[in-house]
Amino acid sequence: MKCLLEKIRNIILFLLVVAKVDAQNEALMAMQKICTAYNSGSTINFNATMIMYAKNNPGKIIEKMESSYTLKAMNFTCHIGPVLMLLNDNYYVSADKTLKLIVIGHRKDLPGNGGMPVLNIAQFKALIKDKAIQASVIPQGNNLFLQLSDPEGISGYHLCSIVCNAKTGYMKKVVMEIDDYNDTTGKTMVLEINYTVPVVAEKNKNAFSEKPFFSFSNNAIRTTDNYKGYQVINQL
């Protein structure tokens, strides 16, 4: 009897381990589907609504922002509230209309997580592959529901859920939880992002050009008239 119970226990443990590995692999495949969707080689446009609230009081919106994106592989321009950002093959630019501040630097000097705006899918994918965070995926009709658990906050978030179209891989909704370090009670903040379906953009060879922001004159940065009077932080 004891021997039989031991065998059953070992079988159950084996099945639990296999289930865990399968869950990680399925989540990794779902994440790859998202990566492929947003790296199709075409230039795409999409919008998003971002809201922030305390986890214990979701009915009270602390902040709400509209954002828009033009994306091709790892190059993008995006508006997030008063901030306009650019990332092309050579440069990154961040211009804040409220602060009258523009930051200019070389792309190669960006940290490893300075990729896709708002949600760095490639980073999440790498963390899942390395088993640094736990992940699972559940089919929900025409959608996939990914749940990522990161107790140590390696990704910057403790919990992240992603709803994407099971066929196209395009994201519909992302919910991320993070501690509010400005609050001594350890309040958990939630960032919720609702994405529109991307559409193929009109061809524009200057879509990711830095010229609307700055140019060089005698090896010095010269901002365009749109950013006249802005404080320039030169990280080149």
Protein backbone atom coordinates (compact mmCIF):
# COMPACT_ATOMS: atom_id res chain seq x y z
CA MET A 1 0.00 0.00 0.00
CA LYS A 2 2.79 2.37 1.00
CA CYS A 3 4.65 1.58 -2.23
CA LEU A 4 1.51 2.24 -4.30
CA LEU A 5 0.92 5.60 -2.60
CA GLU A 6 4.55 6.53 -3.26
CA LYS A 7 4.13 5.72 -6.96
CA ILE A 8 0.93 7.76 -7.17
CA ARG A 9 2.64 10.69 -5.44
CA ASN A 10 5.55 10.53 -7.90
CA ILE A 11 3.16 10.38 -10.88
CA ILE A 12 1.24 13.42 -9.59
CA LEU A 13 4.47 15.36 -9.03
CA PHE A 14 5.62 14.45 -12.54
CA LEU A 15 2.33 15.61 -14.04
CA LEU A 16 2.52 18.88 -12.12
CA VAL A 17 6.03 19.54 -13.40
CA VAL A 18 5.03 18.68 -16.98
CA ALA A 19 1.96 20.94 -16.70
CA LYS A 20 4.13 23.80 -15.46
CA VAL A 21 6.62 23.40 -18.32
CA ASP A 22 3.80 23.16 -20.86
CA ALA A 23 2.21 26.33 -19.43
CA GLN A 24 5.51 28.20 -19.83
CA ASN A 25 5.98 26.88 -23.38
CA GLU A 26 2.41 27.78 -24.37
CA ALA A 27 2.87 31.27 -22.94
CA LEU A 28 6.16 31.61 -24.81
CA MET A 29 4.45 30.64 -28.07
CA ALA A 30 1.66 33.16 -27.41
CA MET A 31 4.24 35.86 -26.70
CA GLN A 32 6.03 34.98 -29.93
CA LYS A 33 2.73 35.37 -31.79
CA ILE A 34 2.43 38.92 -30.37
CA CYS A 35 6.04 39.72 -31.29
CA THR A 36 5.47 38.49 -34.85
CA ALA A 37 2.27 40.50 -35.18
CA TYR A 38 3.99 43.77 -34.32
CA ASN A 39 7.11 42.98 -36.36
CA SER A 40 5.47 42.08 -39.67
CA GLY A 41 7.71 44.34 -41.74
CA SER A 42 4.85 46.73 -42.49
CA THR A 43 4.42 50.16 -40.95
CA ILE A 44 1.33 50.12 -38.75
CA ASN A 45 -0.72 52.70 -36.85
CA PHE A 46 -2.71 52.06 -33.69
CA ASN A 47 -4.01 53.93 -30.65
CA ALA A 48 -4.42 53.17 -26.99
CA THR A 49 -6.16 54.48 -23.91
CA MET A 50 -4.14 54.27 -20.71
CA ILE A 51 -5.68 54.57 -17.25
CA MET A 52 -4.13 54.30 -13.81
CA TYR A 53 -5.91 53.50 -10.57
CA ALA A 54 -5.30 51.95 -7.15
CA LYS A 55 -6.01 48.22 -7.10
CA ASN A 56 -8.27 48.59 -4.05
CA ASN A 57 -10.26 51.41 -5.67
CA PRO A 58 -10.60 50.70 -9.42
CA GLY A 59 -13.58 53.03 -9.78
CA LYS A 60 -11.43 56.10 -9.03
CA ILE A 61 -9.28 56.93 -12.06
CA ILE A 62 -6.07 58.65 -10.98
CA GLU A 63 -4.83 59.41 -14.47
CA LYS A 64 -6.01 58.84 -18.03
CA MET A 65 -4.02 59.37 -21.22
CA GLU A 66 -4.61 58.82 -24.90
CA SER A 67 -1.72 57.59 -27.00
CA SER A 68 -1.02 56.88 -30.66
CA TYR A 69 1.71 54.87 -32.35
CA THR A 70 3.39 54.40 -35.69
CA LEU A 71 5.52 51.28 -35.61
CA LYS A 72 7.73 49.31 -37.95
CA ALA A 73 9.76 46.52 -36.37
CA MET A 74 11.82 48.25 -33.65
CA ASN A 75 11.42 51.78 -35.04
CA PHE A 76 8.54 53.90 -33.81
CA THR A 77 7.06 57.28 -33.14
CA CYS A 78 4.44 57.68 -30.46
CA HIS A 79 2.43 60.30 -28.62
CA ILE A 80 1.67 59.54 -24.98
CA GLY A 81 -0.18 62.48 -23.50
CA PRO A 82 2.11 65.53 -23.84
CA VAL A 83 5.17 63.42 -24.73
CA LEU A 84 6.29 62.64 -28.28
CA MET A 85 8.91 59.94 -28.73
CA LEU A 86 10.95 58.71 -31.67
CA LEU A 87 13.21 55.69 -32.08
CA ASN A 88 14.90 55.10 -35.44
CA ASP A 89 18.00 53.23 -36.58
CA ASN A 90 20.35 55.87 -35.20
CA TYR A 91 18.64 58.07 -32.62
CA TYR A 92 16.08 58.29 -29.88
CA VAL A 93 14.20 61.48 -29.06
CA SER A 94 11.78 62.31 -26.28
CA ALA A 95 10.04 65.71 -26.31
CA ASP A 96 7.80 66.80 -23.44
CA LYS A 97 5.44 69.64 -24.35
CA THR A 98 4.53 70.32 -20.71
CA LEU A 99 8.09 70.52 -19.39
CA LYS A 100 9.44 72.14 -22.58
CA LEU A 101 12.19 69.53 -22.56
CA ILE A 102 13.74 67.49 -25.38
CA VAL A 103 16.17 64.60 -24.89
CA ILE A 104 18.32 63.41 -27.81
CA GLY A 105 20.66 60.43 -27.85
CA HIS A 106 22.08 57.52 -29.82
CA ARG A 107 19.91 54.44 -30.14
CA LYS A 108 22.87 52.20 -29.27
CA ASP A 109 23.07 53.85 -25.83
CA LEU A 110 19.52 52.90 -24.87
CA PRO A 111 19.19 50.31 -22.08
CA GLY A 112 18.12 46.81 -23.06
CA ASN A 113 14.48 47.50 -22.17
CA GLY A 114 14.26 50.59 -24.36
CA GLY A 115 12.38 48.81 -27.11
CA MET A 116 8.72 48.73 -27.94
CA PRO A 117 6.75 51.57 -26.38
CA VAL A 118 4.53 50.95 -23.34
CA LEU A 119 4.95 47.20 -23.28
CA ASN A 120 8.27 45.60 -24.16
CA ILE A 121 7.07 42.22 -25.40
CA ALA A 122 10.60 41.10 -26.31
CA GLN A 123 11.69 41.63 -22.69
CA PHE A 124 8.77 39.61 -21.34
CA LYS A 125 9.47 36.88 -23.88
CA ALA A 126 13.12 36.64 -22.78
CA LEU A 127 12.15 36.49 -19.09
CA ILE A 128 9.66 33.69 -19.77
CA LYS A 129 12.24 31.77 -21.79
CA ASP A 130 14.77 32.09 -18.96
CA LYS A 131 12.07 31.07 -16.46
CA ALA A 132 12.74 34.30 -14.55
CA ILE A 133 8.98 34.87 -14.40
CA GLN A 134 6.06 32.44 -14.36
CA ALA A 135 3.59 32.51 -17.23
CA SER A 136 0.45 30.74 -18.36
CA VAL A 137 -2.04 31.17 -21.18
CA ILE A 138 -5.77 30.39 -21.35
CA PRO A 139 -7.84 30.37 -24.57
CA GLN A 140 -10.93 32.61 -24.26
CA GLY A 141 -13.04 32.28 -27.39
CA ASN A 142 -11.23 34.17 -30.14
CA ASN A 143 -8.70 35.54 -27.66
CA LEU A 144 -5.74 34.35 -25.63
CA PHE A 145 -5.36 35.40 -21.99
CA LEU A 146 -1.75 35.51 -20.79
CA GLN A 147 -0.97 35.79 -17.09
CA LEU A 148 2.58 36.73 -16.07
CA SER A 149 3.70 36.55 -12.44
CA ASP A 150 6.86 38.38 -11.39
CA PRO A 151 7.03 38.59 -7.56
CA GLU A 152 10.54 40.09 -7.64
CA GLY A 153 9.51 42.83 -10.07
CA ILE A 154 12.31 42.01 -12.54
CA SER A 155 10.17 43.21 -15.44
CA GLY A 156 9.08 46.32 -13.54
CA TYR A 157 5.68 44.81 -12.74
CA HIS A 158 4.57 42.14 -10.27
CA LEU A 159 1.58 40.92 -12.26
CA CYS A 160 0.75 41.44 -15.91
CA SER A 161 -2.16 40.12 -17.93
CA ILE A 162 -2.41 40.40 -21.69
CA VAL A 163 -5.47 39.73 -23.83
CA CYS A 164 -4.65 39.28 -27.51
CA ASN A 165 -6.40 38.04 -30.63
CA ALA A 166 -5.66 34.32 -30.91
CA LYS A 167 -5.41 34.51 -34.71
CA THR A 168 -3.56 37.78 -35.36
CA GLY A 169 -1.61 38.20 -32.12
CA TYR A 170 -2.66 41.85 -31.82
CA MET A 171 -3.09 42.99 -28.23
CA LYS A 172 -6.48 44.17 -27.02
CA LYS A 173 -5.94 44.83 -23.34
CA VAL A 174 -2.99 44.85 -20.94
CA VAL A 175 -3.23 45.19 -17.16
CA MET A 176 -0.08 45.65 -15.05
CA GLU A 177 0.38 45.92 -11.30
CA ILE A 178 3.21 47.73 -9.51
CA ASP A 179 3.83 48.99 -6.00
CA ASP A 180 3.31 52.70 -5.42
CA TYR A 181 6.67 53.64 -3.92
CA ASN A 182 5.36 57.12 -3.11
CA ASP A 183 2.79 55.62 -0.76
CA THR A 184 3.98 54.40 2.66
CA THR A 185 1.06 51.97 2.97
CA GLY A 186 2.41 49.85 0.11
CA LYS A 187 -0.55 50.57 -2.15
CA THR A 188 -0.64 48.62 -5.42
CA MET A 189 -1.17 50.67 -8.56
CA VAL A 190 -2.69 49.32 -11.76
CA LEU A 191 -1.94 50.51 -15.28
CA GLU A 192 -4.58 49.39 -17.77
CA ILE A 193 -4.07 49.83 -21.51
CA ASN A 194 -6.72 49.21 -24.17
CA TYR A 195 -5.36 48.98 -27.72
CA THR A 196 -7.08 49.51 -31.05
CA VAL A 197 -6.53 47.10 -33.94
CA PRO A 198 -3.47 48.18 -35.96
CA VAL A 199 -3.92 49.28 -39.56
CA VAL A 200 -1.28 49.45 -42.28
CA ALA A 201 0.01 53.01 -42.62
CA GLU A 202 0.51 54.92 -45.84
CA LYS A 203 4.02 54.69 -47.21
CA ASN A 204 6.22 57.47 -45.91
CA LYS A 205 10.00 57.14 -46.15
CA ASN A 206 10.41 59.89 -43.54
CA ALA A 207 8.02 58.35 -41.00
CA PHE A 208 10.85 57.75 -38.52
CA SER A 209 13.13 60.65 -39.40
CA GLU A 210 14.73 62.75 -36.68
CA LYS A 211 14.57 65.85 -38.93
CA PRO A 212 11.25 67.15 -37.50
CA PHE A 213 13.10 67.37 -34.17
CA PHE A 214 16.68 68.44 -34.86
CA SER A 215 19.55 68.71 -37.29
CA PHE A 216 23.29 69.35 -37.02
CA SER A 217 24.96 72.67 -37.71
CA ASN A 218 28.76 72.86 -37.35
CA ASN A 219 28.60 69.61 -35.35
CA ALA A 220 26.14 71.16 -32.90
CA ILE A 221 22.51 70.15 -32.41
CA ARG A 222 19.96 72.60 -33.73
CA THR A 223 16.33 71.98 -32.81
CA THR A 224 13.57 72.82 -35.28
CA ASP A 225 11.18 75.72 -34.81
CA ASN A 226 8.63 73.37 -33.21
CA TYR A 227 11.01 72.95 -30.27
CA LYS A 228 12.36 76.44 -30.06
CA GLY A 229 12.77 77.44 -26.40
CA TYR A 230 12.91 73.83 -25.19
CA GLN A 231 15.66 72.78 -22.81
CA VAL A 232 17.88 70.34 -24.72
CA ILE A 233 19.46 67.37 -22.99
CA ASN A 234 22.15 66.16 -25.38
CA GLN A 235 23.11 62.53 -24.78
CA LEU A 236 24.89 62.07 -28.11
